[in-house]
Each structure stands twice: as C-alpha cells, then as structure tokens.
C-alpha cells in the first residue's frame, strides 16, 4: 500500500546536509497550525543518525519542545557528537527556525549485543487489525468537526480498537486508548528511518487519554488546548514501521495544568519494541488557541 501522504512524509524525513553536521528538514505538505512534534522528532533522529558510524540503530531519545514551529519554514538541525564508544553513540540535536530555537534532543544509538532478555507480556484481547475499521470509516461520524489533518489521506494505516473519543466525541471513559498502526511499504532496511517513522507515530495521539476521564476533546465539544512539553522514546528492539504495531496508550495522572501520558508498541508476535512517555500542558479552550 502506498499513498501520496506517505510519500510526502518520506520526502519530509529526507533531511538535506548543509555542511558539517548541520541538516535542513524539508517542509511537509501535510501541516497543522504549528509544526507537528512528531515531524520534528523524526527529522532530528534522521539527522543524528546520518552522523553515526556503522549504521547503529537508535535506542533512545529524550526531547523538549521549546516553542511552536512555523510549518511553512524549513527547520535547521544542528547535530553535536557527544561520544562514539564501542557500544554507544550519543548525539545532541537542536532545531532552529531563523534565530528561534524550537526543539532540543539527546539521542543514543547502540550496537546490538547479547545479554539478558525479558519483557512484560502484551495484554490479551486486542482484535486483529484486519477486523477493525480504517481511519476514514472510523472518523466518519464526526468528520465535519475534524481538521483536514485527520480527514485527508493519512501517511499511516491506523486502526483504533475503540472509538477515539478524545478527538471530537468528548464522552467520558477510562484514560487509555489502543490502536494498530503501520506505514505503507518502505523500500530498504534503514533502521533509523523505521525508528524515525515510529517516533513520528508515537506523537500522533499520545495526549488523548488525558482527556477521556473528563469528557473533553480537541475538536468537538468541551474543548481543550494542548501542547507537548517533552517526549521520551526507548527502542528496545529494531522495529519495522511497515508491519503492524499495537500501540497501547494511557494517562496515569493529570494535575496542575499538565498531564503524563505513556505508551508501549508491540509487534504482531507480542514483542515489546518501544516505550514512550510524554508530559503535556492542557488548558480549557477560552480563545481560538490559548497555547503558544
């Protein structure tokens, strides 16, 4: 399966060298009012990976979103080499638009090694992705309330297990959400590109579970404004973004205008391939947008 939105995403992630360890990220055609955080995560990870020897795959990233970016302006990524060791390579990445620093990230790349091996068991009961409605059909009841970001062609095939009430429905429920997700076919086996696509996807709906116990939504009724503060992602195993991944999200706490949301990514065999944590700011909607 291929689509224009997916091809645009791959083009967006193909950061271009400007000399030394500086890269520029192309502007995406698919935009929000401000640069989507997952795009910045993914471009920064690709930029860092292009300075790492031996095609080591990433094992973690820790990022702060410092300011909202202009989606019409290319982003410059400056990569600093902190260390290249026998097992790990560490990088620091800053993202800038003009004289504004909008993002900073520490990331690590690790050579694969033998060692102890265990993981939590994937919770059972998730229906197979082929039995679930695609995104277009799932969102049909409230399509008129949703922005083009959700109603136009999506670069990922997303199959929500339950209806994503945090988008527009605003009904009260537990602070958790699950979905299957994959990208269309990817040519090649670049582990950093696959990891970058997982990073992009990890930011798509991560704050949604924080709205669900309160009957709030981003676009429908009882509106909330939100923004990501920071984002941490650990890659436990190499993951292929073009194969189904089960993403299970939850929000253990919200207090003081902030929330914490976490997620795990499991492959179809039940292997835990990635873990995510993000803190976000939440504010009751008073104006067209109260988050800057």
C-alpha atoms as a PDB file:
ATOM      1  CA  UNK A   1       0.000   0.000   0.000  1.00  0.00           C
ATOM      2  CA  UNK A   2       1.317   3.415  -0.937  1.00  0.00           C
ATOM      3  CA  UNK A   3      -0.266   6.844  -0.818  1.00  0.00           C
ATOM      4  CA  UNK A   4       0.714  10.420  -1.526  1.00  0.00           C
ATOM      5  CA  UNK A   5       0.704  11.350   2.166  1.00  0.00           C
ATOM      6  CA  UNK A   6       3.187   8.579   2.914  1.00  0.00           C
ATOM      7  CA  UNK A   7       5.455   9.601   0.059  1.00  0.00           C
ATOM      8  CA  UNK A   8       5.333  13.198   1.316  1.00  0.00           C
ATOM      9  CA  UNK A   9       6.308  12.009   4.807  1.00  0.00           C
ATOM     10  CA  UNK A  10       9.303  10.082   3.451  1.00  0.00           C
ATOM     11  CA  UNK A  11      10.371  13.167   1.481  1.00  0.00           C
ATOM     12  CA  UNK A  12       9.985  15.277   4.632  1.00  0.00           C
ATOM     13  CA  UNK A  13      12.236  12.923   6.603  1.00  0.00           C
ATOM     14  CA  UNK A  14      14.976  13.038   3.958  1.00  0.00           C
ATOM     15  CA  UNK A  15      16.894  15.834   5.669  1.00  0.00           C
ATOM     16  CA  UNK A  16      19.490  17.548   3.487  1.00  0.00           C
ATOM     17  CA  UNK A  17      23.099  18.261   4.551  1.00  0.00           C
ATOM     18  CA  UNK A  18      24.133  21.903   4.784  1.00  0.00           C
ATOM     19  CA  UNK A  19      27.757  21.154   5.637  1.00  0.00           C
ATOM     20  CA  UNK A  20      29.410  19.601   8.639  1.00  0.00           C
ATOM     21  CA  UNK A  21      26.796  18.166  10.984  1.00  0.00           C
ATOM     22  CA  UNK A  22      24.048  20.613  10.016  1.00  0.00           C
ATOM     23  CA  UNK A  23      20.933  19.499   8.123  1.00  0.00           C
ATOM     24  CA  UNK A  24      17.725  21.103   6.897  1.00  0.00           C
ATOM     25  CA  UNK A  25      14.356  19.389   7.102  1.00  0.00           C
ATOM     26  CA  UNK A  26      12.044  19.879   4.113  1.00  0.00           C
ATOM     27  CA  UNK A  27       8.625  21.419   4.712  1.00  0.00           C
ATOM     28  CA  UNK A  28       5.780  18.905   4.869  1.00  0.00           C
ATOM     29  CA  UNK A  29       2.721  19.384   2.670  1.00  0.00           C
ATOM     30  CA  UNK A  30       0.531  17.932   5.432  1.00  0.00           C
ATOM     31  CA  UNK A  31       0.530  20.527   8.185  1.00  0.00           C
ATOM     32  CA  UNK A  32      -1.070  21.686  11.410  1.00  0.00           C
ATOM     33  CA  UNK A  33      -1.249  25.333  12.522  1.00  0.00           C
ATOM     34  CA  UNK A  34       2.177  24.729  14.075  1.00  0.00           C
ATOM     35  CA  UNK A  35       4.820  22.147  13.176  1.00  0.00           C
ATOM     36  CA  UNK A  36       3.735  18.672  14.275  1.00  0.00           C
ATOM     37  CA  UNK A  37       6.002  17.490  17.086  1.00  0.00           C
ATOM     38  CA  UNK A  38       6.345  14.011  15.607  1.00  0.00           C
ATOM     39  CA  UNK A  39       7.795  15.534  12.440  1.00  0.00           C
ATOM     40  CA  UNK A  40      10.496  17.330  14.429  1.00  0.00           C
ATOM     41  CA  UNK A  41      11.289  14.178  16.438  1.00  0.00           C
ATOM     42  CA  UNK A  42      11.606  12.128  13.271  1.00  0.00           C
ATOM     43  CA  UNK A  43      13.668  14.646  11.294  1.00  0.00           C
ATOM     44  CA  UNK A  44      16.009  15.196  14.245  1.00  0.00           C
ATOM     45  CA  UNK A  45      16.506  11.445  14.641  1.00  0.00           C
ATOM     46  CA  UNK A  46      17.309  11.023  10.936  1.00  0.00           C
ATOM     47  CA  UNK A  47      19.758  13.951  11.098  1.00  0.00           C
ATOM     48  CA  UNK A  48      21.516  12.457  14.124  1.00  0.00           C
ATOM     49  CA  UNK A  49      21.607   9.008  12.528  1.00  0.00           C
ATOM     50  CA  UNK A  50      23.434  10.344   9.499  1.00  0.00           C
ATOM     51  CA  UNK A  51      26.393  11.243  11.723  1.00  0.00           C
ATOM     52  CA  UNK A  52      26.609   7.836  13.417  1.00  0.00           C
ATOM     53  CA  UNK A  53      29.105   5.186  12.278  1.00  0.00           C
ATOM     54  CA  UNK A  54      28.306   1.593  11.362  1.00  0.00           C
ATOM     55  CA  UNK A  55      24.555   2.145  10.881  1.00  0.00           C
ATOM     56  CA  UNK A  56      23.937   1.694  14.592  1.00  0.00           C
ATOM     57  CA  UNK A  57      20.186   1.845  15.262  1.00  0.00           C
ATOM     58  CA  UNK A  58      18.807   4.312  17.810  1.00  0.00           C
ATOM     59  CA  UNK A  59      17.997   3.023  21.278  1.00  0.00           C
ATOM     60  CA  UNK A  60      16.556   6.158  22.904  1.00  0.00           C
ATOM     61  CA  UNK A  61      15.717   9.819  22.562  1.00  0.00           C
ATOM     62  CA  UNK A  62      14.826  12.495  25.094  1.00  0.00           C
ATOM     63  CA  UNK A  63      13.440  15.729  23.662  1.00  0.00           C
ATOM     64  CA  UNK A  64      11.993  19.062  24.741  1.00  0.00           C
ATOM     65  CA  UNK A  65       9.632  21.116  22.588  1.00  0.00           C
ATOM     66  CA  UNK A  66      10.737  24.681  23.346  1.00  0.00           C
ATOM     67  CA  UNK A  67       8.440  26.687  21.059  1.00  0.00           C
ATOM     68  CA  UNK A  68       5.857  26.102  18.378  1.00  0.00           C
ATOM     69  CA  UNK A  69       7.349  25.996  14.894  1.00  0.00           C
ATOM     70  CA  UNK A  70       6.105  27.596  11.675  1.00  0.00           C
ATOM     71  CA  UNK A  71       5.011  24.747   9.352  1.00  0.00           C
ATOM     72  CA  UNK A  72       5.840  26.842   6.258  1.00  0.00           C
ATOM     73  CA  UNK A  73       9.511  27.339   7.198  1.00  0.00           C
ATOM     74  CA  UNK A  74      12.239  24.657   6.848  1.00  0.00           C
ATOM     75  CA  UNK A  75      13.878  23.579  10.109  1.00  0.00           C
ATOM     76  CA  UNK A  76      17.645  23.539  10.551  1.00  0.00           C
ATOM     77  CA  UNK A  77      19.050  20.704  12.682  1.00  0.00           C
ATOM     78  CA  UNK A  78      22.473  21.060  14.309  1.00  0.00           C
ATOM     79  CA  UNK A  79      23.964  17.775  15.468  1.00  0.00           C
ATOM     80  CA  UNK A  80      26.726  17.681  18.076  1.00  0.00           C
ATOM     81  CA  UNK A  81      28.707  14.471  18.604  1.00  0.00           C
ATOM     82  CA  UNK A  82      28.964  13.849  22.339  1.00  0.00           C
ATOM     83  CA  UNK A  83      30.585  10.415  22.194  1.00  0.00           C
ATOM     84  CA  UNK A  84      31.268   7.479  19.896  1.00  0.00           C
ATOM     85  CA  UNK A  85      32.114   4.474  22.062  1.00  0.00           C
ATOM     86  CA  UNK A  86      32.454   0.791  21.399  1.00  0.00           C
ATOM     87  CA  UNK A  87      28.763   0.166  22.097  1.00  0.00           C
ATOM     88  CA  UNK A  88      27.005   3.550  22.128  1.00  0.00           C
ATOM     89  CA  UNK A  89      26.990   6.771  20.121  1.00  0.00           C
ATOM     90  CA  UNK A  90      25.500   9.863  21.763  1.00  0.00           C
ATOM     91  CA  UNK A  91      24.265  12.947  19.942  1.00  0.00           C
ATOM     92  CA  UNK A  92      22.677  16.278  20.831  1.00  0.00           C
ATOM     93  CA  UNK A  93      20.378  17.894  18.270  1.00  0.00           C
ATOM     94  CA  UNK A  94      18.968  21.414  18.260  1.00  0.00           C
ATOM     95  CA  UNK A  95      16.279  22.554  15.845  1.00  0.00           C
ATOM     96  CA  UNK A  96      16.073  26.171  14.741  1.00  0.00           C
ATOM     97  CA  UNK A  97      13.931  28.381  12.544  1.00  0.00           C
ATOM     98  CA  UNK A  98      15.827  31.602  11.890  1.00  0.00           C
ATOM     99  CA  UNK A  99      17.123  32.793  15.254  1.00  0.00           C
ATOM    100  CA  UNK A 100      14.487  30.796  17.209  1.00  0.00           C
ATOM    101  CA  UNK A 101      15.427  27.519  18.856  1.00  0.00           C
ATOM    102  CA  UNK A 102      12.261  25.415  18.868  1.00  0.00           C
ATOM    103  CA  UNK A 103      13.480  21.976  19.985  1.00  0.00           C
ATOM    104  CA  UNK A 104      16.377  20.154  21.605  1.00  0.00           C
ATOM    105  CA  UNK A 105      17.061  16.423  21.846  1.00  0.00           C
ATOM    106  CA  UNK A 106      19.571  13.997  23.290  1.00  0.00           C
ATOM    107  CA  UNK A 107      19.645  10.659  21.499  1.00  0.00           C
ATOM    108  CA  UNK A 108      21.640   7.451  21.710  1.00  0.00           C
ATOM    109  CA  UNK A 109      22.476   4.781  19.139  1.00  0.00           C
ATOM    110  CA  UNK A 110      23.522   1.319  20.265  1.00  0.00           C
ATOM    111  CA  UNK A 111      25.314  -1.611  18.688  1.00  0.00           C
ATOM    112  CA  UNK A 112      23.339  -4.828  19.084  1.00  0.00           C
ATOM    113  CA  UNK A 113      24.739  -7.108  21.782  1.00  0.00           C
ATOM    114  CA  UNK A 114      23.876 -10.309  23.628  1.00  0.00           C
ATOM    115  CA  UNK A 115      22.534 -10.167  27.161  1.00  0.00           C
ATOM    116  CA  UNK A 116      19.644 -10.890  29.489  1.00  0.00           C
ATOM    117  CA  UNK A 117      16.252 -10.940  27.814  1.00  0.00           C
ATOM    118  CA  UNK A 118      12.789 -10.461  29.327  1.00  0.00           C
ATOM    119  CA  UNK A 119       9.729  -8.267  28.832  1.00  0.00           C
ATOM    120  CA  UNK A 120       6.184  -7.736  30.078  1.00  0.00           C
ATOM    121  CA  UNK A 121       3.505  -9.798  28.369  1.00  0.00           C
ATOM    122  CA  UNK A 122       1.341  -7.962  25.882  1.00  0.00           C
ATOM    123  CA  UNK A 123      -2.173  -7.668  27.316  1.00  0.00           C
ATOM    124  CA  UNK A 124      -4.534 -10.028  25.539  1.00  0.00           C
ATOM    125  CA  UNK A 125      -7.856  -9.366  23.924  1.00  0.00           C
ATOM    126  CA  UNK A 126      -6.834  -6.957  21.165  1.00  0.00           C
ATOM    127  CA  UNK A 127      -8.709  -7.755  17.941  1.00  0.00           C
ATOM    128  CA  UNK A 128      -6.677  -8.287  14.799  1.00  0.00           C
ATOM    129  CA  UNK A 129      -6.166  -5.136  12.701  1.00  0.00           C
ATOM    130  CA  UNK A 130      -7.912  -6.647   9.685  1.00  0.00           C
ATOM    131  CA  UNK A 131     -11.152  -6.868  11.683  1.00  0.00           C
ATOM    132  CA  UNK A 132     -11.168  -3.156  12.551  1.00  0.00           C
ATOM    133  CA  UNK A 133     -12.439  -0.159  10.593  1.00  0.00           C
ATOM    134  CA  UNK A 134      -9.915   2.003   8.775  1.00  0.00           C
ATOM    135  CA  UNK A 135      -9.402   5.601   9.800  1.00  0.00           C
ATOM    136  CA  UNK A 136     -11.728   7.060   7.135  1.00  0.00           C
ATOM    137  CA  UNK A 137     -14.673   4.933   8.255  1.00  0.00           C
ATOM    138  CA  UNK A 138     -13.884   5.216  11.962  1.00  0.00           C
ATOM    139  CA  UNK A 139     -13.967   9.010  11.913  1.00  0.00           C
ATOM    140  CA  UNK A 140     -16.967   9.342   9.599  1.00  0.00           C
ATOM    141  CA  UNK A 141     -19.487  10.231  12.369  1.00  0.00           C
ATOM    142  CA  UNK A 142     -17.635  13.419  13.309  1.00  0.00           C
ATOM    143  CA  UNK A 143     -15.740  14.216  10.123  1.00  0.00           C
ATOM    144  CA  UNK A 144     -17.351  17.664   9.888  1.00  0.00           C
ATOM    145  CA  UNK A 145     -15.772  18.626  13.231  1.00  0.00           C
ATOM    146  CA  UNK A 146     -12.261  17.456  12.398  1.00  0.00           C
ATOM    147  CA  UNK A 147      -9.490  19.407  10.656  1.00  0.00           C
ATOM    148  CA  UNK A 148      -8.000  18.305   7.367  1.00  0.00           C
ATOM    149  CA  UNK A 149      -5.126  16.719   9.297  1.00  0.00           C
ATOM    150  CA  UNK A 150      -7.496  13.883  10.237  1.00  0.00           C
ATOM    151  CA  UNK A 151      -9.934  13.821   7.321  1.00  0.00           C
ATOM    152  CA  UNK A 152      -7.464  13.852   4.427  1.00  0.00           C
ATOM    153  CA  UNK A 153      -5.241  10.955   3.405  1.00  0.00           C
ATOM    154  CA  UNK A 154      -3.045   9.829   6.305  1.00  0.00           C
ATOM    155  CA  UNK A 155       0.556   8.596   5.910  1.00  0.00           C
ATOM    156  CA  UNK A 156      -0.218   5.711   8.290  1.00  0.00           C
ATOM    157  CA  UNK A 157      -2.839   2.999   8.301  1.00  0.00           C
ATOM    158  CA  UNK A 158      -4.422   3.462  11.751  1.00  0.00           C
ATOM    159  CA  UNK A 159      -6.988   1.055  13.200  1.00  0.00           C
ATOM    160  CA  UNK A 160      -8.374   2.263  16.537  1.00  0.00           C
ATOM    161  CA  UNK A 161      -9.646  -0.577  18.708  1.00  0.00           C
ATOM    162  CA  UNK A 162     -12.243   1.644  20.390  1.00  0.00           C
ATOM    163  CA  UNK A 163     -13.591   4.924  19.086  1.00  0.00           C
ATOM    164  CA  UNK A 164     -11.041   7.761  19.645  1.00  0.00           C
ATOM    165  CA  UNK A 165     -13.289   9.937  21.803  1.00  0.00           C
ATOM    166  CA  UNK A 166     -10.516  12.439  22.580  1.00  0.00           C
ATOM    167  CA  UNK A 167     -10.593  13.758  19.017  1.00  0.00           C
ATOM    168  CA  UNK A 168     -14.158  15.064  18.868  1.00  0.00           C
ATOM    169  CA  UNK A 169     -16.720  12.930  20.698  1.00  0.00           C
ATOM    170  CA  UNK A 170     -15.806  14.090  24.191  1.00  0.00           C
ATOM    171  CA  UNK A 171     -17.502  11.216  26.033  1.00  0.00           C
ATOM    172  CA  UNK A 172     -16.275  10.098  29.456  1.00  0.00           C
ATOM    173  CA  UNK A 173     -14.221   6.919  29.672  1.00  0.00           C
ATOM    174  CA  UNK A 174     -11.036   5.354  31.045  1.00  0.00           C
ATOM    175  CA  UNK A 175      -7.728   7.150  30.446  1.00  0.00           C
ATOM    176  CA  UNK A 176      -6.474   4.674  27.862  1.00  0.00           C
ATOM    177  CA  UNK A 177      -6.540   4.106  24.110  1.00  0.00           C
ATOM    178  CA  UNK A 178      -5.241   1.363  21.819  1.00  0.00           C
ATOM    179  CA  UNK A 179      -4.692   1.153  18.088  1.00  0.00           C
ATOM    180  CA  UNK A 180      -2.873  -0.812  15.445  1.00  0.00           C
ATOM    181  CA  UNK A 181      -0.642   1.286  13.196  1.00  0.00           C
ATOM    182  CA  UNK A 182       1.677   0.745  10.250  1.00  0.00           C
ATOM    183  CA  UNK A 183       3.111   2.721   7.364  1.00  0.00           C
ATOM    184  CA  UNK A 184       2.820   1.580   3.748  1.00  0.00           C
ATOM    185  CA  UNK A 185       5.631  -0.397   2.132  1.00  0.00           C
ATOM    186  CA  UNK A 186       9.118   1.020   2.708  1.00  0.00           C
ATOM    187  CA  UNK A 187      11.947   0.310   0.286  1.00  0.00           C
ATOM    188  CA  UNK A 188      15.126  -0.618   2.112  1.00  0.00           C
ATOM    189  CA  UNK A 189      16.019  -1.614   5.636  1.00  0.00           C
ATOM    190  CA  UNK A 190      17.456   1.558   7.144  1.00  0.00           C
ATOM    191  CA  UNK A 191      16.833   1.031  10.889  1.00  0.00           C
ATOM    192  CA  UNK A 192      16.990   4.766  11.605  1.00  0.00           C
ATOM    193  CA  UNK A 193      14.250   5.502   9.052  1.00  0.00           C
ATOM    194  CA  UNK A 194      11.999   2.838  10.584  1.00  0.00           C
ATOM    195  CA  UNK A 195      12.718   4.233  14.051  1.00  0.00           C
ATOM    196  CA  UNK A 196      12.005   7.770  12.817  1.00  0.00           C
ATOM    197  CA  UNK A 197       8.611   6.678  11.492  1.00  0.00           C
ATOM    198  CA  UNK A 198       7.814   5.066  14.845  1.00  0.00           C
ATOM    199  CA  UNK A 199       8.882   8.315  16.547  1.00  0.00           C
ATOM    200  CA  UNK A 200       6.556  10.289  14.263  1.00  0.00           C
ATOM    201  CA  UNK A 201       3.671   7.933  15.016  1.00  0.00           C
ATOM    202  CA  UNK A 202       4.376   7.980  18.753  1.00  0.00           C
ATOM    203  CA  UNK A 203       3.281  11.633  18.961  1.00  0.00           C
ATOM    204  CA  UNK A 204       0.067  11.343  16.936  1.00  0.00           C
ATOM    205  CA  UNK A 205      -2.497  10.776  19.705  1.00  0.00           C
ATOM    206  CA  UNK A 206      -0.393  10.375  22.830  1.00  0.00           C
ATOM    207  CA  UNK A 207      -2.112  13.098  24.877  1.00  0.00           C
ATOM    208  CA  UNK A 208      -5.627  11.907  24.002  1.00  0.00           C
ATOM    209  CA  UNK A 209      -6.056   9.549  27.003  1.00  0.00           C
ATOM    210  CA  UNK A 210      -5.638  12.510  29.383  1.00  0.00           C
ATOM    211  CA  UNK A 211      -8.907  13.966  28.014  1.00  0.00           C
ATOM    212  CA  UNK A 212     -11.021  10.845  28.277  1.00  0.00           C
ATOM    213  CA  UNK A 213     -11.833  10.749  32.021  1.00  0.00           C
ATOM    214  CA  UNK A 214     -13.065  14.340  31.758  1.00  0.00           C
ATOM    215  CA  UNK A 215     -15.226  14.133  28.627  1.00  0.00           C
ATOM    216  CA  UNK A 216     -13.020  16.624  26.799  1.00  0.00           C
ATOM    217  CA  UNK A 217     -11.892  16.677  23.167  1.00  0.00           C
ATOM    218  CA  UNK A 218      -9.552  18.580  20.852  1.00  0.00           C
ATOM    219  CA  UNK A 219     -12.075  19.442  18.138  1.00  0.00           C
ATOM    220  CA  UNK A 220     -15.642  18.612  19.181  1.00  0.00           C
ATOM    221  CA  UNK A 221     -17.280  19.535  22.484  1.00  0.00           C
ATOM    222  CA  UNK A 222     -15.822  20.710  25.833  1.00  0.00           C
ATOM    223  CA  UNK A 223     -12.673  21.777  24.028  1.00  0.00           C
ATOM    224  CA  UNK A 224      -9.158  21.562  25.427  1.00  0.00           C
ATOM    225  CA  UNK A 225      -5.987  23.165  24.051  1.00  0.00           C
ATOM    226  CA  UNK A 226      -2.826  21.167  24.493  1.00  0.00           C
ATOM    227  CA  UNK A 227       0.837  21.036  23.642  1.00  0.00           C
ATOM    228  CA  UNK A 228       3.687  18.618  24.220  1.00  0.00           C
ATOM    229  CA  UNK A 229       6.361  19.688  26.688  1.00  0.00           C
ATOM    230  CA  UNK A 230       8.792  16.815  26.365  1.00  0.00           C
ATOM    231  CA  UNK A 231       8.973  13.385  24.782  1.00  0.00           C
ATOM    232  CA  UNK A 232      10.998  10.288  25.635  1.00  0.00           C
ATOM    233  CA  UNK A 233      11.173   7.172  23.491  1.00  0.00           C
ATOM    234  CA  UNK A 234      13.101   3.947  24.013  1.00  0.00           C
ATOM    235  CA  UNK A 235      13.624   1.438  21.193  1.00  0.00           C
ATOM    236  CA  UNK A 236      14.025  -1.971  22.844  1.00  0.00           C
ATOM    237  CA  UNK A 237      14.275  -3.914  19.595  1.00  0.00           C
ATOM    238  CA  UNK A 238      14.573  -2.926  15.950  1.00  0.00           C
ATOM    239  CA  UNK A 239      11.035  -2.246  14.744  1.00  0.00           C
ATOM    240  CA  UNK A 240       9.715  -2.244  11.220  1.00  0.00           C
ATOM    241  CA  UNK A 241       7.250   0.582  10.741  1.00  0.00           C
ATOM    242  CA  UNK A 242       5.776  -1.130   7.662  1.00  0.00           C
ATOM    243  CA  UNK A 243       4.446  -4.003   9.785  1.00  0.00           C
ATOM    244  CA  UNK A 244       1.566  -3.778  12.227  1.00  0.00           C
ATOM    245  CA  UNK A 245       2.405  -2.396  15.664  1.00  0.00           C
ATOM    246  CA  UNK A 246      -0.062  -2.370  18.544  1.00  0.00           C
ATOM    247  CA  UNK A 247       0.154   0.972  20.373  1.00  0.00           C
ATOM    248  CA  UNK A 248      -1.363   0.972  23.859  1.00  0.00           C
ATOM    249  CA  UNK A 249      -1.623   4.443  25.434  1.00  0.00           C
ATOM    250  CA  UNK A 250      -2.620   5.576  28.917  1.00  0.00           C
ATOM    251  CA  UNK A 251      -2.527   8.650  31.141  1.00  0.00           C
ATOM    252  CA  UNK A 252      -1.685   7.811  34.766  1.00  0.00           C
ATOM    253  CA  UNK A 253      -2.013  11.394  36.044  1.00  0.00           C
ATOM    254  CA  UNK A 254      -3.111  14.931  35.192  1.00  0.00           C
ATOM    255  CA  UNK A 255      -2.660  17.789  37.654  1.00  0.00           C
ATOM    256  CA  UNK A 256      -1.753  21.474  37.721  1.00  0.00           C
ATOM    257  CA  UNK A 257      -2.458  22.024  34.028  1.00  0.00           C
ATOM    258  CA  UNK A 258      -0.133  19.190  32.988  1.00  0.00           C
ATOM    259  CA  UNK A 259      -0.593  15.520  32.193  1.00  0.00           C
ATOM    260  CA  UNK A 260       1.657  12.489  31.828  1.00  0.00           C
ATOM    261  CA  UNK A 261       0.916  10.001  29.059  1.00  0.00           C
ATOM    262  CA  UNK A 262       2.739   6.772  28.263  1.00  0.00           C
ATOM    263  CA  UNK A 263       2.562   4.113  25.567  1.00  0.00           C
ATOM    264  CA  UNK A 264       4.034   0.799  24.505  1.00  0.00           C
ATOM    265  CA  UNK A 265       4.484  -0.548  20.977  1.00  0.00           C
ATOM    266  CA  UNK A 266       4.193  -4.328  20.460  1.00  0.00           C
ATOM    267  CA  UNK A 267       4.722  -6.174  17.185  1.00  0.00           C
ATOM    268  CA  UNK A 268       2.306  -8.850  15.953  1.00  0.00           C
ATOM    269  CA  UNK A 269       4.359 -11.566  17.679  1.00  0.00           C
ATOM    270  CA  UNK A 270       3.922  -9.797  21.029  1.00  0.00           C
ATOM    271  CA  UNK A 271       7.478  -8.445  21.316  1.00  0.00           C
ATOM    272  CA  UNK A 272       7.748  -5.090  23.079  1.00  0.00           C
ATOM    273  CA  UNK A 273       9.637  -2.919  20.590  1.00  0.00           C
ATOM    274  CA  UNK A 274       9.273   0.563  22.099  1.00  0.00           C
ATOM    275  CA  UNK A 275       8.131   2.560  25.136  1.00  0.00           C
ATOM    276  CA  UNK A 276       7.090   6.223  25.183  1.00  0.00           C
ATOM    277  CA  UNK A 277       6.481   8.877  27.830  1.00  0.00           C
ATOM    278  CA  UNK A 278       5.337  12.447  27.294  1.00  0.00           C
ATOM    279  CA  UNK A 279       4.310  15.347  29.501  1.00  0.00           C
ATOM    280  CA  UNK A 280       1.845  17.813  28.055  1.00  0.00           C
ATOM    281  CA  UNK A 281       0.142  21.044  29.042  1.00  0.00           C
ATOM    282  CA  UNK A 282      -3.670  21.156  28.982  1.00  0.00           C
ATOM    283  CA  UNK A 283      -5.867  24.256  29.156  1.00  0.00           C
ATOM    284  CA  UNK A 284      -9.590  24.796  28.848  1.00  0.00           C
ATOM    285  CA  UNK A 285     -10.355  26.452  25.496  1.00  0.00           C
ATOM    286  CA  UNK A 286     -11.110  30.144  26.002  1.00  0.00           C
ATOM    287  CA  UNK A 287      -9.955  31.591  22.672  1.00  0.00           C
ATOM    288  CA  UNK A 288      -9.215  30.240  19.221  1.00  0.00           C
ATOM    289  CA  UNK A 289      -5.960  28.903  20.685  1.00  0.00           C
ATOM    290  CA  UNK A 290      -4.652  29.550  24.156  1.00  0.00           C
ATOM    291  CA  UNK A 291      -1.417  27.554  23.837  1.00  0.00           C
ATOM    292  CA  UNK A 292       1.643  29.317  22.405  1.00  0.00           C
END
